[in-house]
Amino acid sequence: MYAKIYSNGDAFSCCAKSSVKLGNLIDGTFSLLEEPILCKEKDCPCWKRMVIGKEEFWAEHWVVPEDARSLLKNKK
């Protein structure tokens, strides 16, 4: 997830308390960061977090179309 966007248009780098405000989509101040930044949260609350060393949990957060799932099953 690259941004958490709220109904008022405010966009943040994630859902953690230490997230960086990226601007607002409605007033035109939104812009992406120049480069990725590390999360400062010890126990990140983001449900789509990708923690290095815990790669086995990444797949459960990706949406895979049903047609693609059948292709993946056939490859095993």
N, C-alpha and C. Protein backbone atom coordinates (compact mmCIF):
# COMPACT_ATOMS: atom_id res chain seq x y z
N MET A 1 0.86 -1.16 0.00
CA MET A 1 0.00 0.00 0.00
C MET A 1 0.91 1.22 0.00
N TYR A 2 0.72 2.11 -0.94
CA TYR A 2 1.57 3.28 -1.04
C TYR A 2 1.02 4.48 -0.31
N ALA A 3 -0.28 4.51 -0.05
CA ALA A 3 -0.87 5.63 0.67
C ALA A 3 -2.17 5.20 1.33
N LYS A 4 -2.42 5.78 2.47
CA LYS A 4 -3.71 5.63 3.14
C LYS A 4 -4.46 6.92 2.87
N ILE A 5 -5.58 6.81 2.18
CA ILE A 5 -6.33 7.99 1.76
C ILE A 5 -7.65 8.06 2.52
N TYR A 6 -7.91 9.19 3.12
CA TYR A 6 -9.12 9.41 3.88
C TYR A 6 -10.17 10.10 3.03
N SER A 7 -11.41 10.05 3.47
CA SER A 7 -12.53 10.59 2.69
C SER A 7 -12.42 12.10 2.44
N ASN A 8 -11.68 12.82 3.26
CA ASN A 8 -11.50 14.25 3.04
C ASN A 8 -10.37 14.55 2.05
N GLY A 9 -9.73 13.49 1.53
CA GLY A 9 -8.66 13.64 0.55
C GLY A 9 -7.26 13.60 1.12
N ASP A 10 -7.12 13.65 2.45
CA ASP A 10 -5.80 13.57 3.06
C ASP A 10 -5.18 12.21 2.77
N ALA A 11 -3.90 12.21 2.41
CA ALA A 11 -3.18 10.98 2.10
C ALA A 11 -1.93 10.90 2.98
N PHE A 12 -1.73 9.73 3.56
CA PHE A 12 -0.57 9.49 4.42
C PHE A 12 0.20 8.28 3.90
N SER A 13 1.48 8.19 4.29
CA SER A 13 2.34 7.12 3.78
C SER A 13 1.89 5.74 4.25
N CYS A 14 1.15 5.65 5.34
CA CYS A 14 0.60 4.37 5.82
C CYS A 14 -0.43 4.66 6.91
N CYS A 15 -0.85 3.64 7.64
CA CYS A 15 -1.87 3.84 8.66
C CYS A 15 -1.30 3.99 10.07
N ALA A 16 0.02 3.94 10.21
CA ALA A 16 0.66 4.05 11.52
C ALA A 16 0.63 5.49 12.02
N LYS A 17 0.78 5.66 13.33
CA LYS A 17 0.78 6.99 13.93
C LYS A 17 1.94 7.84 13.43
N SER A 18 3.06 7.20 13.09
CA SER A 18 4.24 7.95 12.65
C SER A 18 4.27 8.18 11.14
N SER A 19 3.15 7.95 10.46
CA SER A 19 3.12 8.09 9.00
C SER A 19 3.36 9.55 8.58
N VAL A 20 3.80 9.70 7.36
CA VAL A 20 4.10 11.01 6.80
C VAL A 20 2.92 11.46 5.95
N LYS A 21 2.46 12.70 6.15
CA LYS A 21 1.37 13.21 5.31
C LYS A 21 1.92 13.52 3.92
N LEU A 22 1.27 12.96 2.92
CA LEU A 22 1.68 13.14 1.53
C LEU A 22 0.93 14.27 0.85
N GLY A 23 -0.01 14.86 1.54
CA GLY A 23 -0.79 15.96 0.98
C GLY A 23 -2.26 15.59 0.90
N ASN A 24 -2.97 16.29 0.04
CA ASN A 24 -4.41 16.10 -0.10
C ASN A 24 -4.75 15.98 -1.59
N LEU A 25 -5.50 14.95 -1.93
CA LEU A 25 -5.87 14.72 -3.33
C LEU A 25 -6.86 15.77 -3.84
N ILE A 26 -7.69 16.28 -2.97
CA ILE A 26 -8.73 17.23 -3.39
C ILE A 26 -8.14 18.62 -3.64
N ASP A 27 -7.29 19.08 -2.74
CA ASP A 27 -6.74 20.44 -2.91
C ASP A 27 -5.48 20.48 -3.78
N GLY A 28 -5.05 19.31 -4.28
CA GLY A 28 -3.93 19.26 -5.21
C GLY A 28 -2.54 19.28 -4.58
N THR A 29 -2.46 19.08 -3.27
CA THR A 29 -1.15 19.10 -2.62
C THR A 29 -0.50 17.74 -2.51
N PHE A 30 -1.15 16.69 -2.98
CA PHE A 30 -0.62 15.33 -2.88
C PHE A 30 0.62 15.14 -3.76
N SER A 31 1.63 14.51 -3.21
CA SER A 31 2.79 14.07 -3.99
C SER A 31 3.46 12.91 -3.26
N LEU A 32 4.01 11.99 -4.04
CA LEU A 32 4.71 10.85 -3.46
C LEU A 32 6.05 11.30 -2.90
N LEU A 33 6.60 10.51 -2.00
CA LEU A 33 7.93 10.80 -1.47
C LEU A 33 8.97 10.57 -2.56
N GLU A 34 10.10 11.22 -2.43
CA GLU A 34 11.19 11.05 -3.40
C GLU A 34 11.74 9.63 -3.38
N GLU A 35 11.74 9.00 -2.20
CA GLU A 35 12.23 7.63 -2.06
C GLU A 35 11.51 6.96 -0.89
N PRO A 36 11.52 5.63 -0.85
CA PRO A 36 10.84 4.93 0.25
C PRO A 36 11.49 5.27 1.59
N ILE A 37 10.68 5.24 2.64
CA ILE A 37 11.22 5.44 3.98
C ILE A 37 10.85 4.23 4.84
N LEU A 38 11.72 3.90 5.78
CA LEU A 38 11.45 2.79 6.68
C LEU A 38 10.39 3.19 7.69
N CYS A 39 9.55 2.25 8.04
CA CYS A 39 8.52 2.48 9.05
C CYS A 39 9.20 2.58 10.42
N LYS A 40 8.80 3.57 11.21
CA LYS A 40 9.38 3.78 12.53
C LYS A 40 8.65 3.00 13.61
N GLU A 41 7.54 2.37 13.25
CA GLU A 41 6.73 1.64 14.23
C GLU A 41 7.37 0.30 14.58
N LYS A 42 7.44 0.00 15.86
CA LYS A 42 8.00 -1.28 16.30
C LYS A 42 7.04 -2.42 15.94
N ASP A 43 5.76 -2.24 16.20
CA ASP A 43 4.72 -3.21 15.85
C ASP A 43 3.74 -2.52 14.92
N CYS A 44 4.06 -2.49 13.64
CA CYS A 44 3.26 -1.78 12.65
C CYS A 44 1.83 -2.31 12.59
N PRO A 45 0.82 -1.42 12.64
CA PRO A 45 -0.57 -1.86 12.59
C PRO A 45 -1.10 -2.09 11.17
N CYS A 46 -0.30 -1.75 10.15
CA CYS A 46 -0.79 -1.87 8.78
C CYS A 46 -1.02 -3.34 8.42
N TRP A 47 -2.18 -3.65 7.90
CA TRP A 47 -2.48 -5.05 7.56
C TRP A 47 -1.76 -5.49 6.31
N LYS A 48 -1.25 -4.57 5.50
CA LYS A 48 -0.53 -4.95 4.29
C LYS A 48 0.98 -4.77 4.43
N ARG A 49 1.46 -4.70 5.64
CA ARG A 49 2.88 -4.47 5.83
C ARG A 49 3.70 -5.62 5.24
N MET A 50 4.88 -5.27 4.77
CA MET A 50 5.79 -6.26 4.22
C MET A 50 7.07 -6.18 5.05
N VAL A 51 7.16 -7.03 6.06
CA VAL A 51 8.27 -7.01 6.99
C VAL A 51 9.37 -7.94 6.49
N ILE A 52 10.59 -7.41 6.37
CA ILE A 52 11.72 -8.22 5.95
C ILE A 52 11.94 -9.33 6.98
N GLY A 53 12.10 -10.54 6.49
CA GLY A 53 12.28 -11.69 7.38
C GLY A 53 10.97 -12.43 7.65
N LYS A 54 9.85 -11.85 7.22
CA LYS A 54 8.53 -12.47 7.42
C LYS A 54 7.84 -12.63 6.07
N GLU A 55 8.61 -12.90 5.02
CA GLU A 55 8.08 -12.97 3.67
C GLU A 55 6.96 -14.00 3.51
N GLU A 56 6.96 -15.05 4.34
CA GLU A 56 5.93 -16.08 4.23
C GLU A 56 4.52 -15.53 4.50
N PHE A 57 4.42 -14.38 5.14
CA PHE A 57 3.12 -13.77 5.42
C PHE A 57 2.66 -12.79 4.35
N TRP A 58 3.55 -12.42 3.42
CA TRP A 58 3.20 -11.43 2.41
C TRP A 58 2.08 -11.89 1.51
N ALA A 59 2.10 -13.12 1.08
CA ALA A 59 1.15 -13.62 0.08
C ALA A 59 -0.30 -13.50 0.52
N GLU A 60 -0.57 -13.64 1.80
CA GLU A 60 -1.97 -13.58 2.27
C GLU A 60 -2.60 -12.20 2.08
N HIS A 61 -1.78 -11.19 1.80
CA HIS A 61 -2.30 -9.83 1.62
C HIS A 61 -2.41 -9.41 0.17
N TRP A 62 -2.10 -10.29 -0.75
CA TRP A 62 -2.19 -9.97 -2.17
C TRP A 62 -3.44 -10.61 -2.74
N VAL A 63 -4.17 -9.88 -3.56
CA VAL A 63 -5.37 -10.40 -4.19
C VAL A 63 -4.96 -11.05 -5.51
N VAL A 64 -5.30 -12.31 -5.66
CA VAL A 64 -4.96 -13.05 -6.88
C VAL A 64 -6.27 -13.46 -7.55
N PRO A 65 -6.48 -13.05 -8.81
CA PRO A 65 -7.71 -13.42 -9.51
C PRO A 65 -7.88 -14.94 -9.56
N GLU A 66 -9.10 -15.40 -9.53
CA GLU A 66 -9.42 -16.83 -9.50
C GLU A 66 -8.77 -17.58 -10.67
N ASP A 67 -8.78 -16.99 -11.87
CA ASP A 67 -8.15 -17.64 -13.03
C ASP A 67 -6.67 -17.87 -12.80
N ALA A 68 -6.01 -16.90 -12.19
CA ALA A 68 -4.58 -17.02 -11.92
C ALA A 68 -4.31 -18.08 -10.86
N ARG A 69 -5.22 -18.21 -9.90
CA ARG A 69 -5.05 -19.24 -8.86
C ARG A 69 -5.02 -20.63 -9.46
N SER A 70 -5.89 -20.88 -10.43
CA SER A 70 -5.92 -22.21 -11.04
C SER A 70 -4.62 -22.47 -11.80
N LEU A 71 -4.05 -21.44 -12.42
CA LEU A 71 -2.77 -21.60 -13.10
C LEU A 71 -1.66 -21.92 -12.12
N LEU A 72 -1.68 -21.24 -10.97
CA LEU A 72 -0.66 -21.50 -9.95
C LEU A 72 -0.77 -22.91 -9.40
N LYS A 73 -2.00 -23.38 -9.18
CA LYS A 73 -2.19 -24.74 -8.67
C LYS A 73 -1.69 -25.78 -9.65
N ASN A 74 -1.88 -25.54 -10.93
CA ASN A 74 -1.44 -26.49 -11.96
C ASN A 74 0.06 -26.58 -12.08
N LYS A 75 0.78 -25.56 -11.64
CA LYS A 75 2.25 -25.55 -11.72
C LYS A 75 2.88 -26.37 -10.62
N LYS A 76 2.16 -26.65 -9.55
CA LYS A 76 2.72 -27.40 -8.39
C LYS A 76 2.86 -28.86 -8.68
